[in-house]
Amino acid sequence: MFDAHKSRATFVLVYIHEAHAVDVWPINSSKSNRGLGPVNIQTPHDSEERCRSAVEFARNFTIPFPVLVDPLPDDPFRTTYAAWPTRCYVIHRGKMAVITRPNDACFDVVPVQQWLDDYAGGAFD
């Protein structure tokens, strides 16, 4: 999706709170961890620690676009937009055009892909 639309859309990832920090809600799964073993991350105590986690995440998953960090202690992006690790947003001309819902603990990118396909085709120009 990124490669197909990067010339017409700006992609960013907002790194929010850790869903499964080992000191809060640990999981012993590496299903989605690209062969890196189980997720082993502590809950950050400040924005600097969260930034380090975001950098590691971006490096481990080869994120090809900017990664922004929801700052502590208030988590303004998460609290304002009900962000989840599996939620995607499309903001067009300052308004939310698409907000996906978590789907079986996975990303549901179909609405985003459809919107981008329609937008790329001129439907929203």
PDB file of N, CA and C in Angstrom:
ATOM      1  N   MET A   1       0.836  -1.178   0.000  1.00  0.00           N
ATOM      2  CA  MET A   1       0.000   0.000   0.000  1.00  0.00           C
ATOM      3  C   MET A   1       0.890   1.254   0.000  1.00  0.00           C
ATOM      4  N   PHE A   2       1.915   1.266   0.843  1.00  0.00           N
ATOM      5  CA  PHE A   2       2.804   2.418   0.912  1.00  0.00           C
ATOM      6  C   PHE A   2       3.467   2.673  -0.436  1.00  0.00           C
ATOM      7  N   ASP A   3       4.047   1.641  -1.013  1.00  0.00           N
ATOM      8  CA  ASP A   3       4.735   1.815  -2.290  1.00  0.00           C
ATOM      9  C   ASP A   3       3.792   2.302  -3.385  1.00  0.00           C
ATOM     10  N   ALA A   4       2.572   1.806  -3.382  1.00  0.00           N
ATOM     11  CA  ALA A   4       1.617   2.175  -4.424  1.00  0.00           C
ATOM     12  C   ALA A   4       1.134   3.624  -4.302  1.00  0.00           C
ATOM     13  N   HIS A   5       1.146   4.171  -3.091  1.00  0.00           N
ATOM     14  CA  HIS A   5       0.524   5.487  -2.877  1.00  0.00           C
ATOM     15  C   HIS A   5       1.457   6.535  -2.286  1.00  0.00           C
ATOM     16  N   LYS A   6       2.728   6.236  -2.087  1.00  0.00           N
ATOM     17  CA  LYS A   6       3.617   7.175  -1.408  1.00  0.00           C
ATOM     18  C   LYS A   6       3.831   8.478  -2.162  1.00  0.00           C
ATOM     19  N   SER A   7       3.577   8.497  -3.462  1.00  0.00           N
ATOM     20  CA  SER A   7       3.745   9.747  -4.205  1.00  0.00           C
ATOM     21  C   SER A   7       2.557  10.690  -4.026  1.00  0.00           C
ATOM     22  N   ARG A   8       1.430  10.185  -3.521  1.00  0.00           N
ATOM     23  CA  ARG A   8       0.241  11.020  -3.376  1.00  0.00           C
ATOM     24  C   ARG A   8      -0.264  11.149  -1.946  1.00  0.00           C
ATOM     25  N   ALA A   9       0.300  10.357  -1.040  1.00  0.00           N
ATOM     26  CA  ALA A   9      -0.163  10.386   0.349  1.00  0.00           C
ATOM     27  C   ALA A   9       1.048  10.394   1.279  1.00  0.00           C
ATOM     28  N   THR A  10       0.888  11.010   2.421  1.00  0.00           N
ATOM     29  CA  THR A  10       1.916  11.009   3.445  1.00  0.00           C
ATOM     30  C   THR A  10       1.560   9.944   4.473  1.00  0.00           C
ATOM     31  N   PHE A  11       2.470   9.034   4.684  1.00  0.00           N
ATOM     32  CA  PHE A  11       2.270   7.969   5.658  1.00  0.00           C
ATOM     33  C   PHE A  11       3.100   8.261   6.894  1.00  0.00           C
ATOM     34  N   VAL A  12       2.520   8.061   8.066  1.00  0.00           N
ATOM     35  CA  VAL A  12       3.252   8.122   9.329  1.00  0.00           C
ATOM     36  C   VAL A  12       2.699   7.029  10.234  1.00  0.00           C
ATOM     37  N   LEU A  13       3.511   6.605  11.161  1.00  0.00           N
ATOM     38  CA  LEU A  13       3.091   5.669  12.192  1.00  0.00           C
ATOM     39  C   LEU A  13       3.206   6.410  13.508  1.00  0.00           C
ATOM     40  N   VAL A  14       2.169   6.356  14.324  1.00  0.00           N
ATOM     41  CA  VAL A  14       2.226   6.968  15.643  1.00  0.00           C
ATOM     42  C   VAL A  14       2.420   5.843  16.651  1.00  0.00           C
ATOM     43  N   TYR A  15       3.568   5.857  17.302  1.00  0.00           N
ATOM     44  CA  TYR A  15       3.896   4.842  18.303  1.00  0.00           C
ATOM     45  C   TYR A  15       3.219   5.237  19.608  1.00  0.00           C
ATOM     46  N   ILE A  16       2.253   4.415  20.033  1.00  0.00           N
ATOM     47  CA  ILE A  16       1.493   4.697  21.258  1.00  0.00           C
ATOM     48  C   ILE A  16       1.976   3.763  22.367  1.00  0.00           C
ATOM     49  N   HIS A  17       1.195   3.630  23.404  1.00  0.00           N
ATOM     50  CA  HIS A  17       1.600   2.800  24.541  1.00  0.00           C
ATOM     51  C   HIS A  17       1.812   1.344  24.109  1.00  0.00           C
ATOM     52  N   GLU A  18       2.655   0.664  24.858  1.00  0.00           N
ATOM     53  CA  GLU A  18       2.985  -0.717  24.542  1.00  0.00           C
ATOM     54  C   GLU A  18       1.821  -1.619  24.924  1.00  0.00           C
ATOM     55  N   ALA A  19       1.339  -2.383  23.967  1.00  0.00           N
ATOM     56  CA  ALA A  19       0.168  -3.227  24.201  1.00  0.00           C
ATOM     57  C   ALA A  19       0.484  -4.394  25.132  1.00  0.00           C
ATOM     58  N   HIS A  20       1.688  -4.914  25.058  1.00  0.00           N
ATOM     59  CA  HIS A  20       2.019  -6.112  25.830  1.00  0.00           C
ATOM     60  C   HIS A  20       3.365  -5.977  26.521  1.00  0.00           C
ATOM     61  N   ALA A  21       3.537  -4.899  27.257  1.00  0.00           N
ATOM     62  CA  ALA A  21       4.777  -4.737  28.016  1.00  0.00           C
ATOM     63  C   ALA A  21       4.901  -5.875  29.016  1.00  0.00           C
ATOM     64  N   VAL A  22       6.115  -6.392  29.182  1.00  0.00           N
ATOM     65  CA  VAL A  22       6.318  -7.574  30.022  1.00  0.00           C
ATOM     66  C   VAL A  22       5.981  -7.318  31.486  1.00  0.00           C
ATOM     67  N   ASP A  23       5.996  -6.062  31.914  1.00  0.00           N
ATOM     68  CA  ASP A  23       5.678  -5.764  33.308  1.00  0.00           C
ATOM     69  C   ASP A  23       4.205  -5.434  33.534  1.00  0.00           C
ATOM     70  N   VAL A  24       3.394  -5.475  32.459  1.00  0.00           N
ATOM     71  CA  VAL A  24       1.968  -5.155  32.587  1.00  0.00           C
ATOM     72  C   VAL A  24       1.094  -6.293  32.051  1.00  0.00           C
ATOM     73  N   TRP A  25       1.254  -6.630  30.786  1.00  0.00           N
ATOM     74  CA  TRP A  25       0.426  -7.652  30.150  1.00  0.00           C
ATOM     75  C   TRP A  25       1.296  -8.462  29.200  1.00  0.00           C
ATOM     76  N   PRO A  26       2.176  -9.300  29.759  1.00  0.00           N
ATOM     77  CA  PRO A  26       3.120 -10.021  28.907  1.00  0.00           C
ATOM     78  C   PRO A  26       2.439 -11.095  28.074  1.00  0.00           C
ATOM     79  N   ILE A  27       2.989 -11.308  26.895  1.00  0.00           N
ATOM     80  CA  ILE A  27       2.573 -12.427  26.062  1.00  0.00           C
ATOM     81  C   ILE A  27       3.833 -13.201  25.692  1.00  0.00           C
ATOM     82  N   ASN A  28       3.704 -14.467  25.607  1.00  0.00           N
ATOM     83  CA  ASN A  28       4.841 -15.300  25.235  1.00  0.00           C
ATOM     84  C   ASN A  28       4.675 -15.734  23.790  1.00  0.00           C
ATOM     85  N   SER A  29       4.491 -14.755  22.925  1.00  0.00           N
ATOM     86  CA  SER A  29       4.254 -15.043  21.523  1.00  0.00           C
ATOM     87  C   SER A  29       5.224 -14.244  20.673  1.00  0.00           C
ATOM     88  N   SER A  30       5.656 -14.860  19.615  1.00  0.00           N
ATOM     89  CA  SER A  30       6.485 -14.148  18.645  1.00  0.00           C
ATOM     90  C   SER A  30       5.836 -14.235  17.265  1.00  0.00           C
ATOM     91  N   LYS A  31       4.539 -14.534  17.248  1.00  0.00           N
ATOM     92  CA  LYS A  31       3.797 -14.733  15.996  1.00  0.00           C
ATOM     93  C   LYS A  31       4.009 -13.600  15.004  1.00  0.00           C
ATOM     94  N   SER A  32       3.978 -12.378  15.453  1.00  0.00           N
ATOM     95  CA  SER A  32       4.098 -11.227  14.560  1.00  0.00           C
ATOM     96  C   SER A  32       5.410 -10.486  14.748  1.00  0.00           C
ATOM     97  N   ASN A  33       6.401 -11.149  15.281  1.00  0.00           N
ATOM     98  CA  ASN A  33       7.633 -10.466  15.639  1.00  0.00           C
ATOM     99  C   ASN A  33       8.788 -10.791  14.700  1.00  0.00           C
ATOM    100  N   ARG A  34       8.492 -11.152  13.470  1.00  0.00           N
ATOM    101  CA  ARG A  34       9.485 -11.328  12.403  1.00  0.00           C
ATOM    102  C   ARG A  34      10.681 -12.179  12.803  1.00  0.00           C
ATOM    103  N   GLY A  35      10.426 -13.248  13.561  1.00  0.00           N
ATOM    104  CA  GLY A  35      11.506 -14.140  13.938  1.00  0.00           C
ATOM    105  C   GLY A  35      12.421 -13.603  15.016  1.00  0.00           C
ATOM    106  N   LEU A  36      12.032 -12.533  15.686  1.00  0.00           N
ATOM    107  CA  LEU A  36      12.867 -11.922  16.713  1.00  0.00           C
ATOM    108  C   LEU A  36      12.603 -12.487  18.099  1.00  0.00           C
ATOM    109  N   GLY A  37      11.747 -13.505  18.181  1.00  0.00           N
ATOM    110  CA  GLY A  37      11.412 -14.077  19.483  1.00  0.00           C
ATOM    111  C   GLY A  37      10.273 -13.324  20.135  1.00  0.00           C
ATOM    112  N   PRO A  38       9.896 -13.759  21.340  1.00  0.00           N
ATOM    113  CA  PRO A  38       8.800 -13.099  22.045  1.00  0.00           C
ATOM    114  C   PRO A  38       9.099 -11.621  22.285  1.00  0.00           C
ATOM    115  N   VAL A  39       8.037 -10.821  22.292  1.00  0.00           N
ATOM    116  CA  VAL A  39       8.173  -9.391  22.575  1.00  0.00           C
ATOM    117  C   VAL A  39       8.633  -9.244  24.020  1.00  0.00           C
ATOM    118  N   ASN A  40       9.662  -8.452  24.225  1.00  0.00           N
ATOM    119  CA  ASN A  40      10.217  -8.268  25.559  1.00  0.00           C
ATOM    120  C   ASN A  40      10.521  -6.781  25.747  1.00  0.00           C
ATOM    121  N   ILE A  41       9.483  -6.034  26.095  1.00  0.00           N
ATOM    122  CA  ILE A  41       9.638  -4.594  26.261  1.00  0.00           C
ATOM    123  C   ILE A  41       8.982  -4.164  27.572  1.00  0.00           C
ATOM    124  N   GLN A  42       9.672  -3.298  28.294  1.00  0.00           N
ATOM    125  CA  GLN A  42       9.152  -2.758  29.549  1.00  0.00           C
ATOM    126  C   GLN A  42       8.278  -1.540  29.250  1.00  0.00           C
ATOM    127  N   THR A  43       7.363  -1.242  30.140  1.00  0.00           N
ATOM    128  CA  THR A  43       6.578  -0.014  30.022  1.00  0.00           C
ATOM    129  C   THR A  43       7.510   1.184  30.218  1.00  0.00           C
ATOM    130  N   PRO A  44       7.537   2.110  29.265  1.00  0.00           N
ATOM    131  CA  PRO A  44       8.406   3.281  29.445  1.00  0.00           C
ATOM    132  C   PRO A  44       7.855   4.196  30.537  1.00  0.00           C
ATOM    133  N   HIS A  45       8.753   4.882  31.215  1.00  0.00           N
ATOM    134  CA  HIS A  45       8.351   5.800  32.274  1.00  0.00           C
ATOM    135  C   HIS A  45       8.347   7.250  31.827  1.00  0.00           C
ATOM    136  N   ASP A  46       8.911   7.510  30.645  1.00  0.00           N
ATOM    137  CA  ASP A  46       8.928   8.869  30.124  1.00  0.00           C
ATOM    138  C   ASP A  46       9.001   8.813  28.595  1.00  0.00           C
ATOM    139  N   SER A  47       8.855   9.959  27.977  1.00  0.00           N
ATOM    140  CA  SER A  47       8.838  10.021  26.510  1.00  0.00           C
ATOM    141  C   SER A  47      10.168   9.586  25.906  1.00  0.00           C
ATOM    142  N   GLU A  48      11.264   9.849  26.593  1.00  0.00           N
ATOM    143  CA  GLU A  48      12.568   9.433  26.071  1.00  0.00           C
ATOM    144  C   GLU A  48      12.662   7.909  25.959  1.00  0.00           C
ATOM    145  N   GLU A  49      12.188   7.198  26.973  1.00  0.00           N
ATOM    146  CA  GLU A  49      12.182   5.736  26.910  1.00  0.00           C
ATOM    147  C   GLU A  49      11.261   5.248  25.795  1.00  0.00           C
ATOM    148  N   ARG A  50      10.099   5.882  25.649  1.00  0.00           N
ATOM    149  CA  ARG A  50       9.181   5.485  24.584  1.00  0.00           C
ATOM    150  C   ARG A  50       9.809   5.737  23.216  1.00  0.00           C
ATOM    151  N   CYS A  51      10.535   6.836  23.075  1.00  0.00           N
ATOM    152  CA  CYS A  51      11.223   7.122  21.810  1.00  0.00           C
ATOM    153  C   CYS A  51      12.239   6.033  21.485  1.00  0.00           C
ATOM    154  N   ARG A  52      12.982   5.568  22.482  1.00  0.00           N
ATOM    155  CA  ARG A  52      13.937   4.476  22.240  1.00  0.00           C
ATOM    156  C   ARG A  52      13.207   3.216  21.769  1.00  0.00           C
ATOM    157  N   SER A  53      12.073   2.921  22.369  1.00  0.00           N
ATOM    158  CA  SER A  53      11.282   1.759  21.941  1.00  0.00           C
ATOM    159  C   SER A  53      10.783   1.937  20.515  1.00  0.00           C
ATOM    160  N   ALA A  54      10.364   3.142  20.179  1.00  0.00           N
ATOM    161  CA  ALA A  54       9.873   3.418  18.821  1.00  0.00           C
ATOM    162  C   ALA A  54      10.982   3.261  17.795  1.00  0.00           C
ATOM    163  N   VAL A  55      12.177   3.724  18.118  1.00  0.00           N
ATOM    164  CA  VAL A  55      13.314   3.575  17.204  1.00  0.00           C
ATOM    165  C   VAL A  55      13.627   2.100  16.986  1.00  0.00           C
ATOM    166  N   GLU A  56      13.623   1.334  18.066  1.00  0.00           N
ATOM    167  CA  GLU A  56      13.880  -0.111  17.945  1.00  0.00           C
ATOM    168  C   GLU A  56      12.798  -0.789  17.110  1.00  0.00           C
ATOM    169  N   PHE A  57      11.552  -0.427  17.364  1.00  0.00           N
ATOM    170  CA  PHE A  57      10.442  -0.986  16.592  1.00  0.00           C
ATOM    171  C   PHE A  57      10.602  -0.675  15.102  1.00  0.00           C
ATOM    172  N   ALA A  58      10.869   0.589  14.783  1.00  0.00           N
ATOM    173  CA  ALA A  58      11.008   0.998  13.384  1.00  0.00           C
ATOM    174  C   ALA A  58      12.160   0.257  12.708  1.00  0.00           C
ATOM    175  N   ARG A  59      13.241   0.071  13.427  1.00  0.00           N
ATOM    176  CA  ARG A  59      14.391  -0.655  12.875  1.00  0.00           C
ATOM    177  C   ARG A  59      14.058  -2.138  12.688  1.00  0.00           C
ATOM    178  N   ASN A  60      13.472  -2.768  13.689  1.00  0.00           N
ATOM    179  CA  ASN A  60      13.162  -4.199  13.611  1.00  0.00           C
ATOM    180  C   ASN A  60      12.153  -4.527  12.516  1.00  0.00           C
ATOM    181  N   PHE A  61      11.225  -3.601  12.275  1.00  0.00           N
ATOM    182  CA  PHE A  61      10.166  -3.868  11.300  1.00  0.00           C
ATOM    183  C   PHE A  61      10.349  -3.091   9.999  1.00  0.00           C
ATOM    184  N   THR A  62      11.485  -2.448   9.839  1.00  0.00           N
ATOM    185  CA  THR A  62      11.850  -1.738   8.613  1.00  0.00           C
ATOM    186  C   THR A  62      10.716  -0.819   8.149  1.00  0.00           C
ATOM    187  N   ILE A  63      10.272   0.048   9.040  1.00  0.00           N
ATOM    188  CA  ILE A  63       9.192   0.982   8.724  1.00  0.00           C
ATOM    189  C   ILE A  63       9.752   2.028   7.747  1.00  0.00           C
ATOM    190  N   PRO A  64       9.161   2.144   6.548  1.00  0.00           N
ATOM    191  CA  PRO A  64       9.743   3.007   5.518  1.00  0.00           C
ATOM    192  C   PRO A  64       9.273   4.461   5.545  1.00  0.00           C
ATOM    193  N   PHE A  65       8.579   4.870   6.596  1.00  0.00           N
ATOM    194  CA  PHE A  65       8.068   6.234   6.687  1.00  0.00           C
ATOM    195  C   PHE A  65       8.265   6.729   8.116  1.00  0.00           C
ATOM    196  N   PRO A  66       8.050   8.017   8.369  1.00  0.00           N
ATOM    197  CA  PRO A  66       8.314   8.568   9.707  1.00  0.00           C
ATOM    198  C   PRO A  66       7.496   7.886  10.801  1.00  0.00           C
ATOM    199  N   VAL A  67       8.133   7.734  11.951  1.00  0.00           N
ATOM    200  CA  VAL A  67       7.482   7.211  13.151  1.00  0.00           C
ATOM    201  C   VAL A  67       7.423   8.343  14.160  1.00  0.00           C
ATOM    202  N   LEU A  68       6.216   8.722  14.518  1.00  0.00           N
ATOM    203  CA  LEU A  68       5.986   9.742  15.533  1.00  0.00           C
ATOM    204  C   LEU A  68       5.724   9.042  16.858  1.00  0.00           C
ATOM    205  N   VAL A  69       5.930   9.735  17.961  1.00  0.00           N
ATOM    206  CA  VAL A  69       5.767   9.129  19.281  1.00  0.00           C
ATOM    207  C   VAL A  69       4.734   9.908  20.082  1.00  0.00           C
ATOM    208  N   ASP A  70       3.736   9.194  20.583  1.00  0.00           N
ATOM    209  CA  ASP A  70       2.726   9.785  21.460  1.00  0.00           C
ATOM    210  C   ASP A  70       3.396  10.047  22.810  1.00  0.00           C
ATOM    211  N   PRO A  71       3.542  11.314  23.213  1.00  0.00           N
ATOM    212  CA  PRO A  71       4.348  11.613  24.394  1.00  0.00           C
ATOM    213  C   PRO A  71       3.669  11.247  25.716  1.00  0.00           C
ATOM    214  N   LEU A  72       4.506  10.860  26.644  1.00  0.00           N
ATOM    215  CA  LEU A  72       4.076  10.613  28.011  1.00  0.00           C
ATOM    216  C   LEU A  72       4.176  11.926  28.790  1.00  0.00           C
ATOM    217  N   PRO A  73       3.411  12.126  29.812  1.00  0.00           N
ATOM    218  CA  PRO A  73       2.569  11.127  30.451  1.00  0.00           C
ATOM    219  C   PRO A  73       1.129  11.097  29.942  1.00  0.00           C
ATOM    220  N   ASP A  74       0.740  12.016  29.076  1.00  0.00           N
ATOM    221  CA  ASP A  74      -0.684  12.175  28.747  1.00  0.00           C
ATOM    222  C   ASP A  74      -1.196  11.344  27.584  1.00  0.00           C
ATOM    223  N   ASP A  75      -0.310  10.799  26.741  1.00  0.00           N
ATOM    224  CA  ASP A  75      -0.749  10.026  25.572  1.00  0.00           C
ATOM    225  C   ASP A  75      -1.836  10.761  24.782  1.00  0.00           C
ATOM    226  N   PRO A  76      -1.599  11.990  24.331  1.00  0.00           N
ATOM    227  CA  PRO A  76      -2.669  12.774  23.717  1.00  0.00           C
ATOM    228  C   PRO A  76      -3.245  12.160  22.438  1.00  0.00           C
ATOM    229  N   PHE A  77      -2.427  11.527  21.610  1.00  0.00           N
ATOM    230  CA  PHE A  77      -2.984  10.926  20.397  1.00  0.00           C
ATOM    231  C   PHE A  77      -3.890   9.760  20.759  1.00  0.00           C
ATOM    232  N   ARG A  78      -3.406   8.896  21.630  1.00  0.00           N
ATOM    233  CA  ARG A  78      -4.204   7.719  22.026  1.00  0.00           C
ATOM    234  C   ARG A  78      -5.509   8.133  22.688  1.00  0.00           C
ATOM    235  N   THR A  79      -5.456   9.110  23.582  1.00  0.00           N
ATOM    236  CA  THR A  79      -6.680   9.483  24.287  1.00  0.00           C
ATOM    237  C   THR A  79      -7.642  10.278  23.410  1.00  0.00           C
ATOM    238  N   THR A  80      -7.135  11.094  22.501  1.00  0.00           N
ATOM    239  CA  THR A  80      -8.004  11.893  21.632  1.00  0.00           C
ATOM    240  C   THR A  80      -8.657  11.040  20.547  1.00  0.00           C
ATOM    241  N   TYR A  81      -7.901  10.107  19.972  1.00  0.00           N
ATOM    242  CA  TYR A  81      -8.382   9.355  18.807  1.00  0.00           C
ATOM    243  C   TYR A  81      -8.668   7.892  19.094  1.00  0.00           C
ATOM    244  N   ALA A  82      -8.717   7.500  20.368  1.00  0.00           N
ATOM    245  CA  ALA A  82      -8.980   6.108  20.748  1.00  0.00           C
ATOM    246  C   ALA A  82      -8.078   5.150  19.976  1.00  0.00           C
ATOM    247  N   ALA A  83      -6.808   5.503  19.926  1.00  0.00           N
ATOM    248  CA  ALA A  83      -5.844   4.714  19.156  1.00  0.00           C
ATOM    249  C   ALA A  83      -5.621   3.338  19.779  1.00  0.00           C
ATOM    250  N   TRP A  84      -5.442   2.371  18.920  1.00  0.00           N
ATOM    251  CA  TRP A  84      -5.072   1.006  19.273  1.00  0.00           C
ATOM    252  C   TRP A  84      -3.895   0.638  18.390  1.00  0.00           C
ATOM    253  N   PRO A  85      -3.102  -0.325  18.803  1.00  0.00           N
ATOM    254  CA  PRO A  85      -2.002  -0.746  17.928  1.00  0.00           C
ATOM    255  C   PRO A  85      -2.474  -1.286  16.575  1.00  0.00           C
ATOM    256  N   THR A  86      -3.731  -1.624  16.466  1.00  0.00           N
ATOM    257  CA  THR A  86      -4.250  -2.178  15.212  1.00  0.00           C
ATOM    258  C   THR A  86      -5.283  -1.272  14.557  1.00  0.00           C
ATOM    259  N   ARG A  87      -5.133   0.010  14.727  1.00  0.00           N
ATOM    260  CA  ARG A  87      -6.087   0.958  14.137  1.00  0.00           C
ATOM    261  C   ARG A  87      -5.366   1.853  13.139  1.00  0.00           C
ATOM    262  N   CYS A  88      -6.017   2.127  12.011  1.00  0.00           N
ATOM    263  CA  CYS A  88      -5.452   2.994  10.975  1.00  0.00           C
ATOM    264  C   CYS A  88      -6.384   4.177  10.754  1.00  0.00           C
ATOM    265  N   TYR A  89      -5.796   5.321  10.393  1.00  0.00           N
ATOM    266  CA  TYR A  89      -6.540   6.546  10.150  1.00  0.00           C
ATOM    267  C   TYR A  89      -6.125   7.121   8.803  1.00  0.00           C
ATOM    268  N   VAL A  90      -7.080   7.729   8.119  1.00  0.00           N
ATOM    269  CA  VAL A  90      -6.780   8.548   6.953  1.00  0.00           C
ATOM    270  C   VAL A  90      -7.295   9.938   7.278  1.00  0.00           C
ATOM    271  N   ILE A  91      -6.397  10.907   7.237  1.00  0.00           N
ATOM    272  CA  ILE A  91      -6.772  12.296   7.461  1.00  0.00           C
ATOM    273  C   ILE A  91      -6.648  12.998   6.119  1.00  0.00           C
ATOM    274  N   HIS A  92      -7.752  13.580   5.663  1.00  0.00           N
ATOM    275  CA  HIS A  92      -7.777  14.252   4.368  1.00  0.00           C
ATOM    276  C   HIS A  92      -8.307  15.666   4.567  1.00  0.00           C
ATOM    277  N   ARG A  93      -7.499  16.625   4.159  1.00  0.00           N
ATOM    278  CA  ARG A  93      -7.870  18.037   4.288  1.00  0.00           C
ATOM    279  C   ARG A  93      -8.299  18.399   5.709  1.00  0.00           C
ATOM    280  N   GLY A  94      -7.539  17.866   6.682  1.00  0.00           N
ATOM    281  CA  GLY A  94      -7.755  18.192   8.082  1.00  0.00           C
ATOM    282  C   GLY A  94      -8.892  17.462   8.760  1.00  0.00           C
ATOM    283  N   LYS A  95      -9.527  16.525   8.066  1.00  0.00           N
ATOM    284  CA  LYS A  95     -10.644  15.778   8.658  1.00  0.00           C
ATOM    285  C   LYS A  95     -10.395  14.285   8.536  1.00  0.00           C
ATOM    286  N   MET A  96     -10.948  13.539   9.486  1.00  0.00           N
ATOM    287  CA  MET A  96     -10.832  12.084   9.439  1.00  0.00           C
ATOM    288  C   MET A  96     -11.700  11.551   8.303  1.00  0.00           C
ATOM    289  N   ALA A  97     -11.048  10.931   7.333  1.00  0.00           N
ATOM    290  CA  ALA A  97     -11.771  10.333   6.214  1.00  0.00           C
ATOM    291  C   ALA A  97     -12.041   8.856   6.464  1.00  0.00           C
ATOM    292  N   VAL A  98     -11.124   8.194   7.156  1.00  0.00           N
ATOM    293  CA  VAL A  98     -11.261   6.768   7.466  1.00  0.00           C
ATOM    294  C   VAL A  98     -10.693   6.531   8.857  1.00  0.00           C
ATOM    295  N   ILE A  99     -11.412   5.774   9.664  1.00  0.00           N
ATOM    296  CA  ILE A  99     -10.912   5.277  10.941  1.00  0.00           C
ATOM    297  C   ILE A  99     -11.261   3.798  10.973  1.00  0.00           C
ATOM    298  N   THR A 100     -10.240   2.954  10.953  1.00  0.00           N
ATOM    299  CA  THR A 100     -10.527   1.519  10.977  1.00  0.00           C
ATOM    300  C   THR A 100     -10.717   1.053  12.410  1.00  0.00           C
ATOM    301  N   ARG A 101     -11.383  -0.058  12.528  1.00  0.00           N
ATOM    302  CA  ARG A 101     -11.586  -0.683  13.832  1.00  0.00           C
ATOM    303  C   ARG A 101     -10.696  -1.919  13.904  1.00  0.00           C
ATOM    304  N   PRO A 102     -10.201  -2.240  15.105  1.00  0.00           N
ATOM    305  CA  PRO A 102      -9.457  -3.488  15.227  1.00  0.00           C
ATOM    306  C   PRO A 102     -10.329  -4.652  14.767  1.00  0.00           C
ATOM    307  N   ASN A 103      -9.746  -5.563  14.036  1.00  0.00           N
ATOM    308  CA  ASN A 103     -10.478  -6.699  13.477  1.00  0.00           C
ATOM    309  C   ASN A 103      -9.756  -7.975  13.876  1.00  0.00           C
ATOM    310  N   ASP A 104     -10.263  -8.650  14.892  1.00  0.00           N
ATOM    311  CA  ASP A 104      -9.690  -9.908  15.357  1.00  0.00           C
ATOM    312  C   ASP A 104      -8.213  -9.724  15.713  1.00  0.00           C
ATOM    313  N   ALA A 105      -7.896  -8.621  16.391  1.00  0.00           N
ATOM    314  CA  ALA A 105      -6.540  -8.279  16.817  1.00  0.00           C
ATOM    315  C   ALA A 105      -5.567  -8.099  15.650  1.00  0.00           C
ATOM    316  N   CYS A 106      -6.085  -7.727  14.495  1.00  0.00           N
ATOM    317  CA  CYS A 106      -5.248  -7.513  13.310  1.00  0.00           C
ATOM    318  C   CYS A 106      -5.588  -6.164  12.675  1.00  0.00           C
ATOM    319  N   PHE A 107      -4.683  -5.705  11.822  1.00  0.00           N
ATOM    320  CA  PHE A 107      -4.948  -4.500  11.050  1.00  0.00           C
ATOM    321  C   PHE A 107      -6.004  -4.807  10.003  1.00  0.00           C
ATOM    322  N   ASP A 108      -7.008  -3.953   9.896  1.00  0.00           N
ATOM    323  CA  ASP A 108      -7.967  -4.060   8.808  1.00  0.00           C
ATOM    324  C   ASP A 108      -7.675  -2.897   7.871  1.00  0.00           C
ATOM    325  N   VAL A 109      -6.797  -3.141   6.904  1.00  0.00           N
ATOM    326  CA  VAL A 109      -6.368  -2.071   6.005  1.00  0.00           C
ATOM    327  C   VAL A 109      -7.253  -1.948   4.769  1.00  0.00           C
ATOM    328  N   VAL A 110      -8.231  -2.812   4.623  1.00  0.00           N
ATOM    329  CA  VAL A 110      -9.088  -2.773   3.434  1.00  0.00           C
ATOM    330  C   VAL A 110      -9.750  -1.403   3.267  1.00  0.00           C
ATOM    331  N   PRO A 111     -10.348  -0.809   4.308  1.00  0.00           N
ATOM    332  CA  PRO A 111     -10.951   0.518   4.110  1.00  0.00           C
ATOM    333  C   PRO A 111      -9.927   1.579   3.714  1.00  0.00           C
ATOM    334  N   VAL A 112      -8.730   1.497   4.254  1.00  0.00           N
ATOM    335  CA  VAL A 112      -7.673   2.448   3.901  1.00  0.00           C
ATOM    336  C   VAL A 112      -7.263   2.246   2.449  1.00  0.00           C
ATOM    337  N   GLN A 113      -7.045   0.988   2.069  1.00  0.00           N
ATOM    338  CA  GLN A 113      -6.661   0.678   0.687  1.00  0.00           C
ATOM    339  C   GLN A 113      -7.730   1.152  -0.294  1.00  0.00           C
ATOM    340  N   GLN A 114      -8.987   0.914   0.030  1.00  0.00           N
ATOM    341  CA  GLN A 114     -10.078   1.338  -0.845  1.00  0.00           C
ATOM    342  C   GLN A 114     -10.107   2.854  -0.988  1.00  0.00           C
ATOM    343  N   TRP A 115      -9.972   3.556   0.136  1.00  0.00           N
ATOM    344  CA  TRP A 115      -9.980   5.018   0.087  1.00  0.00           C
ATOM    345  C   TRP A 115      -8.806   5.529  -0.738  1.00  0.00           C
ATOM    346  N   LEU A 116      -7.630   4.981  -0.526  1.00  0.00           N
ATOM    347  CA  LEU A 116      -6.454   5.413  -1.285  1.00  0.00           C
ATOM    348  C   LEU A 116      -6.599   5.114  -2.763  1.00  0.00           C
ATOM    349  N   ASP A 117      -7.155   3.956  -3.096  1.00  0.00           N
ATOM    350  CA  ASP A 117      -7.384   3.619  -4.505  1.00  0.00           C
ATOM    351  C   ASP A 117      -8.350   4.606  -5.146  1.00  0.00           C
ATOM    352  N   ASP A 118      -9.432   4.926  -4.425  1.00  0.00           N
ATOM    353  CA  ASP A 118     -10.404   5.885  -4.948  1.00  0.00           C
ATOM    354  C   ASP A 118      -9.780   7.281  -5.058  1.00  0.00           C
ATOM    355  N   TYR A 119      -9.032   7.685  -4.033  1.00  0.00           N
ATOM    356  CA  TYR A 119      -8.398   8.992  -4.046  1.00  0.00           C
ATOM    357  C   TYR A 119      -7.367   9.087  -5.178  1.00  0.00           C
ATOM    358  N   ALA A 120      -6.560   8.043  -5.337  1.00  0.00           N
ATOM    359  CA  ALA A 120      -5.557   8.027  -6.402  1.00  0.00           C
ATOM    360  C   ALA A 120      -6.216   8.091  -7.785  1.00  0.00           C
ATOM    361  N   GLY A 121      -7.444   7.565  -7.849  1.00  0.00           N
ATOM    362  CA  GLY A 121      -8.167   7.600  -9.105  1.00  0.00           C
ATOM    363  C   GLY A 121      -8.886   8.914  -9.346  1.00  0.00           C
ATOM    364  N   GLY A 122      -8.748   9.859  -8.423  1.00  0.00           N
ATOM    365  CA  GLY A 122      -9.314  11.182  -8.622  1.00  0.00           C
ATOM    366  C   GLY A 122     -10.658  11.398  -7.969  1.00  0.00           C
ATOM    367  N   ALA A 123     -11.190  10.401  -7.273  1.00  0.00           N
ATOM    368  CA  ALA A 123     -12.527  10.533  -6.689  1.00  0.00           C
ATOM    369  C   ALA A 123     -12.605  11.612  -5.620  1.00  0.00           C
ATOM    370  N   PHE A 124     -11.483  11.976  -4.997  1.00  0.00           N
ATOM    371  CA  PHE A 124     -11.514  12.916  -3.883  1.00  0.00           C
ATOM    372  C   PHE A 124     -10.724  14.185  -4.171  1.00  0.00           C
ATOM    373  N   ASP A 125     -10.311  14.404  -5.399  1.00  0.00           N
ATOM    374  CA  ASP A 125      -9.540  15.614  -5.734  1.00  0.00           C
ATOM    375  C   ASP A 125     -10.408  16.850  -5.655  1.00  0.00           C
TER     376      ASP A 125
END
